[in-house]
Protein backbone atom coordinates (compact mmCIF):
# COMPACT_ATOMS: atom_id res chain seq x y z
CA UNK A 1 -90.47 -5.19 204.98
CA UNK A 2 -92.62 -5.85 208.01
CA UNK A 3 -96.03 -7.42 207.65
CA UNK A 4 -97.86 -4.26 208.77
CA UNK A 5 -95.82 -2.10 206.38
CA UNK A 6 -96.51 -4.52 203.50
CA UNK A 7 -100.23 -4.45 204.32
CA UNK A 8 -100.20 -0.64 204.10
CA UNK A 9 -98.63 -0.89 200.63
CA UNK A 10 -101.11 -3.61 199.63
CA UNK A 11 -104.05 -1.41 200.63
CA UNK A 12 -102.60 1.63 198.86
CA UNK A 13 -102.03 -0.28 195.60
CA UNK A 14 -105.53 -1.81 195.79
CA UNK A 15 -106.99 1.69 196.18
CA UNK A 16 -105.04 2.73 193.08
CA UNK A 17 -106.41 -0.30 191.21
CA UNK A 18 -109.93 0.78 192.24
CA UNK A 19 -109.28 4.20 190.68
CA UNK A 20 -107.93 2.53 187.54
CA UNK A 21 -111.11 0.43 187.31
CA UNK A 22 -113.11 3.63 186.88
CA UNK A 23 -111.49 4.04 183.44
CA UNK A 24 -113.36 0.96 182.20
CA UNK A 25 -116.34 1.52 179.91
CA UNK A 26 -117.96 -1.72 181.11
CA UNK A 27 -121.29 -1.26 182.87
CA UNK A 28 -121.72 -4.64 184.57
CA UNK A 29 -118.33 -4.71 186.30
CA UNK A 30 -115.42 -2.31 186.29
CA UNK A 31 -112.15 -4.03 187.19
CA UNK A 32 -108.69 -2.52 187.59
CA UNK A 33 -105.27 -4.16 187.89
CA UNK A 34 -101.72 -3.05 188.67
CA UNK A 35 -98.50 -5.06 188.43
CA UNK A 36 -95.90 -3.95 190.96
CA UNK A 37 -92.27 -5.03 191.12
CA UNK A 38 -89.53 -3.66 193.36
CA UNK A 39 -91.95 -1.02 194.70
CA UNK A 40 -92.66 0.29 191.18
CA UNK A 41 -95.82 0.02 189.12
CA UNK A 42 -94.64 -1.68 185.93
CA UNK A 43 -98.02 -2.15 184.29
CA UNK A 44 -101.71 -1.39 184.62
CA UNK A 45 -104.94 -2.49 183.05
CA UNK A 46 -108.69 -2.38 183.22
CA UNK A 47 -111.37 -4.48 181.59
CA UNK A 48 -112.58 -3.43 178.17
CA UNK A 49 -112.70 -4.12 174.48
CA UNK A 50 -109.53 -4.55 172.39
CA UNK A 51 -107.83 -1.43 171.01
CA UNK A 52 -109.68 -0.09 168.00
CA UNK A 53 -113.05 -1.63 168.90
CA UNK A 54 -116.05 0.31 170.15
CA UNK A 55 -115.93 0.87 173.92
CA UNK A 56 -119.26 -0.85 174.57
CA UNK A 57 -118.61 -3.99 176.63
CA UNK A 58 -122.18 -5.34 176.82
CA UNK A 59 -124.53 -6.48 174.08
CA UNK A 60 -128.21 -5.54 173.73
CA UNK A 61 -129.15 -8.14 176.37
CA UNK A 62 -126.61 -6.70 178.84
CA UNK A 63 -124.31 -9.71 178.51
CA UNK A 64 -120.58 -9.08 178.35
CA UNK A 65 -119.26 -9.46 174.80
CA UNK A 66 -116.99 -12.50 174.45
CA UNK A 67 -114.03 -10.44 173.27
CA UNK A 68 -113.86 -8.11 176.27
CA UNK A 69 -110.42 -8.38 177.87
CA UNK A 70 -110.06 -8.69 181.63
CA UNK A 71 -108.00 -6.17 183.59
CA UNK A 72 -105.35 -8.75 184.54
CA UNK A 73 -104.93 -9.87 180.93
CA UNK A 74 -104.57 -6.26 179.77
CA UNK A 75 -101.93 -5.55 182.42
CA UNK A 76 -100.00 -8.75 181.61
CA UNK A 77 -100.08 -8.06 177.86
CA UNK A 78 -98.99 -4.48 178.42
CA UNK A 79 -95.94 -5.51 180.45
CA UNK A 80 -95.14 -8.24 177.90
CA UNK A 81 -94.95 -5.57 175.19
CA UNK A 82 -92.53 -3.48 177.29
CA UNK A 83 -88.94 -3.95 178.41
CA UNK A 84 -90.14 -4.92 181.90
CA UNK A 85 -90.62 -8.43 183.28
CA UNK A 86 -93.44 -9.51 185.57
CA UNK A 87 -91.28 -12.30 187.04
CA UNK A 88 -91.50 -12.15 190.86
CA UNK A 89 -94.03 -9.28 190.74
CA UNK A 90 -97.28 -8.70 192.63
CA UNK A 91 -100.61 -8.29 190.87
CA UNK A 92 -103.17 -6.03 192.54
CA UNK A 93 -106.68 -6.53 191.16
CA UNK A 94 -110.07 -5.32 192.32
CA UNK A 95 -111.89 -8.61 191.51
CA UNK A 96 -110.42 -12.07 192.11
CA UNK A 97 -109.05 -13.57 188.88
CA UNK A 98 -111.05 -15.99 186.76
CA UNK A 99 -109.54 -19.31 185.77
CA UNK A 100 -108.32 -18.07 182.36
CA UNK A 101 -106.57 -15.04 183.86
CA UNK A 102 -105.11 -17.26 186.60
CA UNK A 103 -103.30 -19.28 183.94
CA UNK A 104 -101.87 -16.07 182.47
CA UNK A 105 -100.82 -14.87 185.94
CA UNK A 106 -98.99 -18.11 186.62
CA UNK A 107 -97.28 -18.19 183.22
CA UNK A 108 -96.20 -14.55 183.51
CA UNK A 109 -94.10 -15.23 186.62
CA UNK A 110 -96.22 -13.24 189.06
CA UNK A 111 -95.70 -14.69 192.54
CA UNK A 112 -98.26 -12.76 194.56
CA UNK A 113 -101.88 -11.72 193.96
CA UNK A 114 -103.74 -9.26 196.16
CA UNK A 115 -107.43 -8.73 195.45
CA UNK A 116 -110.41 -6.90 196.90
CA UNK A 117 -113.71 -8.49 195.82
CA UNK A 118 -114.17 -12.23 195.57
CA UNK A 119 -115.73 -13.48 192.34
CA UNK A 120 -118.44 -16.16 192.66
CA UNK A 121 -116.27 -18.72 190.84
CA UNK A 122 -113.25 -19.42 193.02
CA UNK A 123 -111.54 -21.84 190.60
CA UNK A 124 -109.03 -19.17 189.53
CA UNK A 125 -107.99 -18.49 193.11
CA UNK A 126 -107.82 -22.21 193.86
CA UNK A 127 -105.56 -22.74 190.83
CA UNK A 128 -103.21 -19.94 191.90
CA UNK A 129 -102.91 -21.38 195.41
CA UNK A 130 -102.26 -24.85 194.01
CA UNK A 131 -99.55 -23.34 191.78
CA UNK A 132 -97.81 -21.90 194.87
CA UNK A 133 -98.71 -18.27 194.27
CA UNK A 134 -99.35 -16.24 197.39
CA UNK A 135 -102.97 -15.06 197.33
CA UNK A 136 -104.20 -12.35 199.68
CA UNK A 137 -107.81 -11.20 200.00
CA UNK A 138 -108.30 -7.74 201.47
CA UNK A 139 -112.08 -7.32 201.47
CA UNK A 140 -112.41 -3.94 203.13
CA UNK A 141 -110.30 -1.00 202.10
């Protein structure tokens, strides 16, 4: 695939991840993620509380509850529970991954991460680059 054609796909999948983020019940930040392999979406996720918990992500002081799952983690866990494999896949996420999610991304075999908004803490992105994962920032879509 040519670079310009790949960029068109990257932008389209990021736009889809933005739509997926709108499903989140979190008020502070809504984040969406898609895992794509061989031009197919094999998993999706958005940030939120674990299944069976109330959908409120923030406490009374508007701080995110410690047990809220990030979009990337939800997408990775969802694909892990399926017959699919995320090995050699691309992760599209609306907010750059934190350091904990970056470890999951690396361990899951994802080789490419495309994100939209850069989080203030860049340690997750730095870890991914150090691990040899291709990281692409597309700020305006």
